[in-house]
Amino acid sequence: MISAILFVLFRRGGKYFIWFLNIFSKPINKIINFFDKKILLRPHLFEKFISDFYQCFDFLQKNKGKIPQVLLSSFLFYLGDILTLYFSFLVFGYHPNLALLILGYTISLILTLFTLIPGTPGVMEASLLVVFIKIGFPAHIVLLSSLLFRIFSYWLPLPIGAFSYWRLKKQYRTK
């Protein structure tokens, strides 16, 4: 059903989607205007979003041969996160059901999509806690395991990534 709605909204170059967003932009602009008058949702922003979407879609169509590589690398990244989370539970002596672990991690990833913060620091930890406790894992193990998991999956690679970024940026300037 969602696919059908998206199909209808994105017909004719996204004209209906832009119309739909313009309807909701008026109350959102009133809320934004209350807090900050600099940022307003205007129709040109929606048109730019749609044109960027179609540009990315055209890029994917031109590079169809690389889509399996991208999907494989995404799968390996997700698998690495699942294994890291699994071993985080094992460190504290708890042997989680792998199916429940995958389900809980997937649900917590979906919950973090609703935030606008990149990498969702804090939100991911909280969603992991809530989801795994509701699934039935022991609360104290979930707390320690989720923190250990986030240290290895987010916080540890963050400074390494920042260092790599600055180093590559410096190399790019010298060329």
Protein backbone atom coordinates (compact mmCIF):
# COMPACT_ATOMS: atom_id res chain seq x y z
CA MET A 1 0.00 0.00 0.00
CA ILE A 2 2.83 2.39 0.87
CA SER A 3 4.47 1.55 -2.45
CA ALA A 4 1.28 2.41 -4.32
CA ILE A 5 0.98 5.74 -2.51
CA LEU A 6 4.62 6.57 -3.26
CA PHE A 7 4.13 5.57 -6.90
CA VAL A 8 1.17 7.94 -7.26
CA LEU A 9 2.95 10.78 -5.44
CA PHE A 10 6.09 10.52 -7.58
CA ARG A 11 4.31 10.43 -10.95
CA ARG A 12 4.84 13.33 -13.35
CA GLY A 13 8.24 14.22 -11.95
CA GLY A 14 7.05 14.31 -8.35
CA LYS A 15 4.39 16.98 -8.97
CA TYR A 16 1.91 15.35 -6.58
CA PHE A 17 4.57 14.84 -3.93
CA ILE A 18 5.49 18.53 -4.08
CA TRP A 19 1.79 19.41 -3.77
CA PHE A 20 1.49 17.08 -0.76
CA LEU A 21 4.54 18.64 0.93
CA ASN A 22 3.28 22.16 0.26
CA ILE A 23 0.09 21.37 2.17
CA PHE A 24 2.07 20.35 5.25
CA SER A 25 4.63 23.12 4.92
CA LYS A 26 2.20 25.83 6.07
CA PRO A 27 1.66 24.51 9.64
CA ILE A 28 5.32 23.48 9.87
CA ASN A 29 6.38 27.00 8.81
CA LYS A 30 4.19 28.47 11.55
CA ILE A 31 5.96 26.31 14.12
CA ILE A 32 9.38 27.15 12.67
CA ASN A 33 8.46 30.82 12.52
CA PHE A 34 7.69 30.73 16.23
CA PHE A 35 11.23 29.56 17.02
CA ASP A 36 13.41 30.86 14.20
CA LYS A 37 12.43 33.06 11.27
CA LYS A 38 15.47 32.19 9.13
CA ILE A 39 14.46 28.70 8.01
CA LEU A 40 11.16 28.29 6.19
CA LEU A 41 9.94 25.45 4.00
CA ARG A 42 9.32 26.91 0.57
CA PRO A 43 8.11 25.13 -2.59
CA HIS A 44 11.54 25.52 -4.25
CA LEU A 45 13.05 23.34 -1.49
CA PHE A 46 10.61 20.54 -2.31
CA GLU A 47 11.30 20.89 -6.03
CA LYS A 48 15.04 20.71 -5.34
CA PHE A 49 14.49 17.59 -3.21
CA ILE A 50 12.55 15.91 -6.03
CA SER A 51 15.12 16.89 -8.67
CA ASP A 52 17.94 15.55 -6.45
CA PHE A 53 15.96 12.34 -5.96
CA TYR A 54 15.57 11.84 -9.70
CA GLN A 55 19.22 12.73 -10.27
CA CYS A 56 20.28 10.01 -7.81
CA PHE A 57 17.89 7.57 -9.44
CA ASP A 58 19.40 8.35 -12.87
CA PHE A 59 22.87 7.84 -11.41
CA LEU A 60 21.81 4.40 -10.15
CA GLN A 61 20.41 3.49 -13.56
CA LYS A 62 23.68 4.45 -15.23
CA ASN A 63 25.70 2.36 -12.76
CA LYS A 64 23.57 -0.78 -12.56
CA GLY A 65 26.64 -3.00 -12.48
CA LYS A 66 27.75 -1.55 -9.15
CA ILE A 67 24.44 -2.07 -7.35
CA PRO A 68 25.28 -5.68 -6.31
CA GLN A 69 28.59 -4.46 -4.85
CA VAL A 70 26.81 -1.76 -2.89
CA LEU A 71 24.19 -4.22 -1.62
CA LEU A 72 26.89 -6.71 -0.64
CA SER A 73 28.89 -4.08 1.24
CA SER A 74 25.72 -2.92 3.03
CA PHE A 75 24.93 -6.52 3.98
CA LEU A 76 28.47 -7.04 5.29
CA PHE A 77 28.24 -3.84 7.32
CA TYR A 78 24.92 -4.95 8.83
CA LEU A 79 26.31 -8.43 9.50
CA GLY A 80 29.33 -6.88 11.23
CA ASP A 81 27.02 -4.87 13.47
CA ILE A 82 24.99 -7.97 14.31
CA LEU A 83 28.14 -9.94 15.19
CA THR A 84 29.49 -7.06 17.28
CA LEU A 85 26.22 -6.89 19.18
CA TYR A 86 26.16 -10.67 19.61
CA PHE A 87 29.68 -10.71 21.02
CA SER A 88 28.81 -7.74 23.25
CA PHE A 89 26.19 -9.93 24.89
CA LEU A 90 28.58 -12.89 25.07
CA VAL A 91 31.18 -10.79 26.91
CA PHE A 92 28.74 -10.44 29.80
CA GLY A 93 27.87 -14.14 29.84
CA TYR A 94 24.49 -13.95 28.09
CA HIS A 95 23.81 -16.10 25.02
CA PRO A 96 21.09 -14.28 23.06
CA ASN A 97 18.84 -15.93 20.51
CA LEU A 98 20.28 -14.79 17.18
CA ALA A 99 16.86 -14.30 15.56
CA LEU A 100 15.69 -12.11 18.45
CA LEU A 101 18.96 -10.20 18.31
CA ILE A 102 18.54 -9.47 14.60
CA LEU A 103 14.90 -8.51 15.12
CA GLY A 104 15.71 -6.21 18.04
CA TYR A 105 18.59 -4.54 16.24
CA THR A 106 16.48 -3.99 13.12
CA ILE A 107 13.65 -2.46 15.15
CA SER A 108 16.04 -0.14 16.95
CA LEU A 109 17.53 0.93 13.61
CA ILE A 110 14.05 1.74 12.35
CA LEU A 111 13.34 3.75 15.51
CA THR A 112 16.48 5.82 14.99
CA LEU A 113 15.33 6.79 11.51
CA PHE A 114 12.81 9.15 13.10
CA THR A 115 15.55 11.40 14.47
CA LEU A 116 17.41 13.94 12.39
CA ILE A 117 20.74 13.53 14.17
CA PRO A 118 23.47 11.84 12.10
CA GLY A 119 24.66 8.64 13.73
CA THR A 120 22.02 9.15 16.41
CA PRO A 121 24.30 9.38 19.46
CA GLY A 122 22.27 8.52 22.52
CA VAL A 123 19.12 7.67 20.58
CA MET A 124 20.52 4.38 19.31
CA GLU A 125 21.59 3.36 22.81
CA ALA A 126 18.17 4.20 24.22
CA SER A 127 16.32 2.36 21.47
CA LEU A 128 18.54 -0.70 21.92
CA LEU A 129 17.76 -0.67 25.64
CA VAL A 130 14.02 -0.33 25.19
CA VAL A 131 13.70 -2.88 22.41
CA PHE A 132 15.84 -5.60 23.99
CA ILE A 133 14.28 -5.18 27.42
CA LYS A 134 10.81 -5.45 25.83
CA ILE A 135 11.93 -8.58 23.96
CA GLY A 136 12.85 -10.13 27.29
CA PHE A 137 16.61 -9.78 27.66
CA PRO A 138 17.89 -8.99 31.20
CA ALA A 139 18.01 -5.22 31.72
CA HIS A 140 21.47 -5.06 33.30
CA ILE A 141 22.99 -7.17 30.50
CA VAL A 142 21.24 -5.08 27.84
CA LEU A 143 22.57 -1.85 29.35
CA LEU A 144 26.17 -3.02 29.44
CA SER A 145 26.02 -4.82 26.09
CA SER A 146 24.44 -1.92 24.24
CA LEU A 147 27.01 0.50 25.60
CA LEU A 148 29.86 -1.84 24.66
CA PHE A 149 28.33 -2.34 21.22
CA ARG A 150 28.04 1.41 20.63
CA ILE A 151 31.61 1.98 21.77
CA PHE A 152 32.84 -0.45 19.11
CA SER A 153 30.34 0.44 16.38
CA TYR A 154 30.15 4.25 16.70
CA TRP A 155 32.41 5.94 19.21
CA LEU A 156 35.65 4.06 18.48
CA PRO A 157 35.53 4.54 14.68
CA LEU A 158 34.55 8.22 15.05
CA PRO A 159 38.02 9.61 15.90
CA ILE A 160 39.62 7.25 13.37
CA GLY A 161 37.25 8.54 10.70
CA ALA A 162 37.89 12.17 11.66
CA PHE A 163 41.65 11.61 11.50
CA SER A 164 41.31 9.92 8.09
CA TYR A 165 39.13 12.75 6.83
CA TRP A 166 41.59 15.45 7.82
CA ARG A 167 44.52 13.48 6.41
CA LEU A 168 42.77 12.90 3.08
CA LYS A 169 41.68 16.53 2.96
CA LYS A 170 45.30 17.61 3.50
CA GLN A 171 46.50 15.25 0.74
CA TYR A 172 43.81 16.55 -1.60
CA ARG A 173 44.90 20.17 -1.05
CA THR A 174 48.53 19.38 -1.90
CA LYS A 175 47.61 17.84 -5.28
